[in-house]
């Protein structure tokens, strides 16, 4: 997910998306522990997407405080 797409989401949608991505990441990690994934780089990509979303969420919260 690109940063432009993330910034278009509302705060509520962003929070829901973060929770969904975290659940997917946990599931990928479990599956990878049992049997290696075909594309293990998906784990890193998912972590980066979560970090991007958290960054945008933090920016939104800081703007709302001002």
C-alpha atoms as a PDB file:
ATOM      1  CA  UNK A   1       0.000   0.000   0.000  1.00  0.00           C
ATOM      2  CA  UNK A   2       1.432   3.341  -0.995  1.00  0.00           C
ATOM      3  CA  UNK A   3       1.629   6.322   1.330  1.00  0.00           C
ATOM      4  CA  UNK A   4      -0.762   8.295  -0.884  1.00  0.00           C
ATOM      5  CA  UNK A   5      -3.411   5.600  -0.481  1.00  0.00           C
ATOM      6  CA  UNK A   6      -2.844   5.490   3.266  1.00  0.00           C
ATOM      7  CA  UNK A   7      -3.284   9.253   3.650  1.00  0.00           C
ATOM      8  CA  UNK A   8      -6.641   9.091   1.876  1.00  0.00           C
ATOM      9  CA  UNK A   9      -8.064   6.801   4.569  1.00  0.00           C
ATOM     10  CA  UNK A  10     -10.019   8.178   7.507  1.00  0.00           C
ATOM     11  CA  UNK A  11      -8.685   7.722  11.021  1.00  0.00           C
ATOM     12  CA  UNK A  12     -11.241   4.993  11.782  1.00  0.00           C
ATOM     13  CA  UNK A  13     -10.463   3.108   8.564  1.00  0.00           C
ATOM     14  CA  UNK A  14      -6.756   3.435   9.239  1.00  0.00           C
ATOM     15  CA  UNK A  15      -7.094   1.912  12.710  1.00  0.00           C
ATOM     16  CA  UNK A  16      -9.131  -0.990  11.303  1.00  0.00           C
ATOM     17  CA  UNK A  17      -6.595  -1.546   8.534  1.00  0.00           C
ATOM     18  CA  UNK A  18      -3.728  -1.603  11.053  1.00  0.00           C
ATOM     19  CA  UNK A  19      -5.493  -4.270  13.115  1.00  0.00           C
ATOM     20  CA  UNK A  20      -6.178  -6.321   9.984  1.00  0.00           C
ATOM     21  CA  UNK A  21      -2.552  -6.096   8.868  1.00  0.00           C
ATOM     22  CA  UNK A  22      -1.297  -7.042  12.332  1.00  0.00           C
ATOM     23  CA  UNK A  23      -3.520 -10.118  12.347  1.00  0.00           C
ATOM     24  CA  UNK A  24      -2.281 -11.054   8.867  1.00  0.00           C
ATOM     25  CA  UNK A  25       1.324 -10.598  10.008  1.00  0.00           C
ATOM     26  CA  UNK A  26       0.793 -12.864  13.021  1.00  0.00           C
ATOM     27  CA  UNK A  27      -0.785 -15.484  10.773  1.00  0.00           C
ATOM     28  CA  UNK A  28       2.099 -15.269   8.288  1.00  0.00           C
ATOM     29  CA  UNK A  29       4.649 -15.657  11.080  1.00  0.00           C
ATOM     30  CA  UNK A  30       2.859 -18.729  12.416  1.00  0.00           C
ATOM     31  CA  UNK A  31       2.594 -20.286   8.970  1.00  0.00           C
ATOM     32  CA  UNK A  32       6.249 -19.526   8.285  1.00  0.00           C
ATOM     33  CA  UNK A  33       7.295 -21.213  11.524  1.00  0.00           C
ATOM     34  CA  UNK A  34       5.429 -24.382  10.582  1.00  0.00           C
ATOM     35  CA  UNK A  35       6.437 -24.516   6.938  1.00  0.00           C
ATOM     36  CA  UNK A  36       8.443 -21.837   5.101  1.00  0.00           C
ATOM     37  CA  UNK A  37       6.480 -19.428   2.955  1.00  0.00           C
ATOM     38  CA  UNK A  38       7.158 -19.325  -0.758  1.00  0.00           C
ATOM     39  CA  UNK A  39       7.795 -15.595  -0.565  1.00  0.00           C
ATOM     40  CA  UNK A  40       9.137 -14.784   2.893  1.00  0.00           C
ATOM     41  CA  UNK A  41       9.632 -11.137   1.902  1.00  0.00           C
ATOM     42  CA  UNK A  42       5.876 -10.664   2.426  1.00  0.00           C
ATOM     43  CA  UNK A  43       6.548 -10.572   6.168  1.00  0.00           C
ATOM     44  CA  UNK A  44       8.903  -7.612   5.787  1.00  0.00           C
ATOM     45  CA  UNK A  45       6.564  -5.840   3.387  1.00  0.00           C
ATOM     46  CA  UNK A  46       3.671  -6.222   5.805  1.00  0.00           C
ATOM     47  CA  UNK A  47       5.773  -4.856   8.670  1.00  0.00           C
ATOM     48  CA  UNK A  48       6.696  -1.824   6.566  1.00  0.00           C
ATOM     49  CA  UNK A  49       3.054  -1.230   5.637  1.00  0.00           C
ATOM     50  CA  UNK A  50       2.081  -1.322   9.309  1.00  0.00           C
ATOM     51  CA  UNK A  51       4.849   1.138  10.134  1.00  0.00           C
ATOM     52  CA  UNK A  52       3.682   3.491   7.364  1.00  0.00           C
ATOM     53  CA  UNK A  53       0.108   3.351   8.625  1.00  0.00           C
ATOM     54  CA  UNK A  54       1.189   3.985  12.212  1.00  0.00           C
ATOM     55  CA  UNK A  55       3.224   6.972  11.078  1.00  0.00           C
ATOM     56  CA  UNK A  56       0.275   8.505   9.229  1.00  0.00           C
ATOM     57  CA  UNK A  57      -2.002   7.773  12.189  1.00  0.00           C
ATOM     58  CA  UNK A  58       0.434   9.538  14.494  1.00  0.00           C
ATOM     59  CA  UNK A  59       0.495  12.548  12.164  1.00  0.00           C
ATOM     60  CA  UNK A  60      -3.297  12.685  12.116  1.00  0.00           C
ATOM     61  CA  UNK A  61      -3.470  12.496  15.921  1.00  0.00           C
ATOM     62  CA  UNK A  62      -0.894  15.291  16.265  1.00  0.00           C
ATOM     63  CA  UNK A  63      -2.890  17.499  13.895  1.00  0.00           C
ATOM     64  CA  UNK A  64      -6.059  16.864  15.889  1.00  0.00           C
ATOM     65  CA  UNK A  65      -4.338  17.874  19.148  1.00  0.00           C
ATOM     66  CA  UNK A  66      -3.412  21.269  17.749  1.00  0.00           C
END
